[in-house]
Amino acid sequence: MGKALEAVRAYGDFHGLTAGDAERLGKDSPFQKAVFRDGVLSVDYEGCYIDVEPFLDAVAKLLGPGGWGKLDVIDQLEWTLTRYSVQDGAWSARSVHGDQAVERTRDTAGV
């Protein structure tokens, strides 16, 4: 049963934040690892299902003009990839089957 719960991988970068923004976001972050450097907050997670939407709401409010971000969440049980994009005070999500993401990468790499 424990293996079934460790079904999610998530990683992303958010550009255009301040150190203070990153500190505020860290208080309620669902991610295991967060590193802020040169105006970019990078996050990483592997484990049970997490709700990333409250974090994305907070990021969208804090990003300054020209700021943007992305977060990829891989559901390893359902084999889906959801790309969250954050820009202009809002976020959006698009999900694809894991094979679609792998095939697109293979095709553009020339393999």
Protein backbone atom coordinates (compact mmCIF):
# COMPACT_ATOMS: atom_id res chain seq x y z
CA MET A 1 0.00 0.00 0.00
CA GLY A 2 2.84 2.45 0.75
CA LYS A 3 4.20 2.23 -2.80
CA ALA A 4 0.82 3.18 -4.26
CA LEU A 5 0.84 6.40 -2.27
CA GLU A 6 4.23 7.50 -3.62
CA ALA A 7 2.78 8.17 -7.00
CA VAL A 8 3.61 11.79 -7.78
CA ARG A 9 6.66 13.66 -8.99
CA ALA A 10 6.56 17.43 -9.33
CA TYR A 11 9.16 19.97 -10.29
CA GLY A 12 9.09 23.52 -11.54
CA ASP A 13 10.62 26.98 -11.76
CA PHE A 14 9.07 30.37 -11.08
CA HIS A 15 10.83 33.46 -12.45
CA GLY A 16 10.41 37.04 -11.24
CA LEU A 17 10.00 36.57 -7.49
CA THR A 18 11.82 38.35 -4.68
CA ALA A 19 13.58 36.66 -1.77
CA GLY A 20 10.70 37.83 0.44
CA ASP A 21 8.17 36.25 -1.94
CA ALA A 22 10.06 32.95 -1.84
CA GLU A 23 10.13 33.03 1.94
CA ARG A 24 6.36 33.67 2.14
CA LEU A 25 5.67 30.87 -0.34
CA GLY A 26 7.86 28.46 1.61
CA LYS A 27 5.61 28.62 4.66
CA ASP A 28 2.73 26.82 2.92
CA SER A 29 4.66 25.00 0.21
CA PRO A 30 3.71 21.37 -0.45
CA PHE A 31 7.17 20.69 -1.90
CA GLN A 32 10.00 18.82 -0.19
CA LYS A 33 12.67 21.01 -1.70
CA ALA A 34 12.66 24.68 -2.67
CA VAL A 35 15.70 26.70 -3.72
CA PHE A 36 15.66 30.43 -4.46
CA ARG A 37 18.49 31.86 -6.53
CA ASP A 38 18.76 34.89 -8.84
CA GLY A 39 15.04 35.63 -8.85
CA VAL A 40 14.04 32.02 -9.59
CA LEU A 41 12.28 29.70 -7.17
CA SER A 42 12.83 26.03 -8.07
CA VAL A 43 10.67 23.37 -6.42
CA ASP A 44 10.84 19.58 -6.32
CA TYR A 45 8.66 16.83 -4.82
CA GLU A 46 8.27 13.07 -4.91
CA GLY A 47 5.75 11.19 -2.80
CA CYS A 48 2.02 11.04 -2.05
CA TYR A 49 -0.56 13.09 -3.90
CA ILE A 50 -0.39 16.80 -3.10
CA ASP A 51 -2.65 19.74 -3.86
CA VAL A 52 -0.54 22.24 -5.81
CA GLU A 53 -3.34 24.66 -6.68
CA PRO A 54 -3.24 26.79 -3.48
CA PHE A 55 0.52 27.22 -4.02
CA LEU A 56 -0.08 28.25 -7.65
CA ASP A 57 -2.73 30.76 -6.53
CA ALA A 58 -0.18 32.33 -4.18
CA VAL A 59 2.58 32.38 -6.82
CA ALA A 60 0.24 34.03 -9.36
CA LYS A 61 -0.49 36.86 -6.88
CA LEU A 62 3.20 37.46 -6.12
CA LEU A 63 4.76 37.35 -9.59
CA GLY A 64 5.72 40.78 -10.83
CA PRO A 65 5.36 42.13 -14.37
CA GLY A 66 7.10 39.81 -16.80
CA GLY A 67 7.22 37.04 -14.19
CA TRP A 68 6.28 33.53 -15.21
CA GLY A 69 6.54 29.94 -14.08
CA LYS A 70 5.85 26.34 -14.85
CA LEU A 71 5.22 23.26 -12.78
CA ASP A 72 5.16 19.72 -14.13
CA VAL A 73 3.26 17.14 -12.09
CA ILE A 74 3.63 13.51 -13.12
CA ASP A 75 1.03 11.05 -11.85
CA GLN A 76 2.94 7.78 -12.03
CA LEU A 77 -0.15 5.62 -11.41
CA GLU A 78 -2.40 7.22 -14.03
CA TRP A 79 0.66 7.97 -16.23
CA THR A 80 -0.30 11.57 -16.90
CA LEU A 81 1.73 14.75 -17.07
CA THR A 82 0.07 18.00 -16.08
CA ARG A 83 1.88 21.22 -17.01
CA TYR A 84 0.81 24.19 -14.91
CA SER A 85 1.76 27.59 -16.37
CA VAL A 86 1.68 30.79 -14.30
CA GLN A 87 1.70 34.26 -15.82
CA ASP A 88 -0.11 37.61 -15.58
CA GLY A 89 -1.73 36.89 -12.21
CA ALA A 90 -3.29 33.55 -13.16
CA TRP A 91 -2.41 29.92 -13.82
CA SER A 92 -3.64 27.33 -16.29
CA ALA A 93 -3.22 23.57 -16.57
CA ARG A 94 -2.94 21.13 -19.44
CA SER A 95 -2.75 17.36 -19.00
CA VAL A 96 -1.51 14.77 -21.46
CA HIS A 97 -0.96 11.04 -21.32
CA GLY A 98 2.61 10.22 -20.34
CA ASP A 99 3.27 8.52 -23.69
CA GLN A 100 2.39 11.76 -25.52
CA ALA A 101 5.03 13.67 -23.56
CA VAL A 102 7.67 10.96 -24.13
CA GLU A 103 6.91 10.62 -27.85
CA ARG A 104 7.11 14.40 -28.39
CA THR A 105 10.51 14.49 -26.69
CA ARG A 106 11.71 11.50 -28.72
CA ASP A 107 10.53 13.06 -31.97
CA THR A 108 12.22 16.41 -31.33
CA ALA A 109 15.45 14.74 -30.17
CA GLY A 110 15.77 12.89 -33.47
CA VAL A 111 15.84 9.45 -31.86
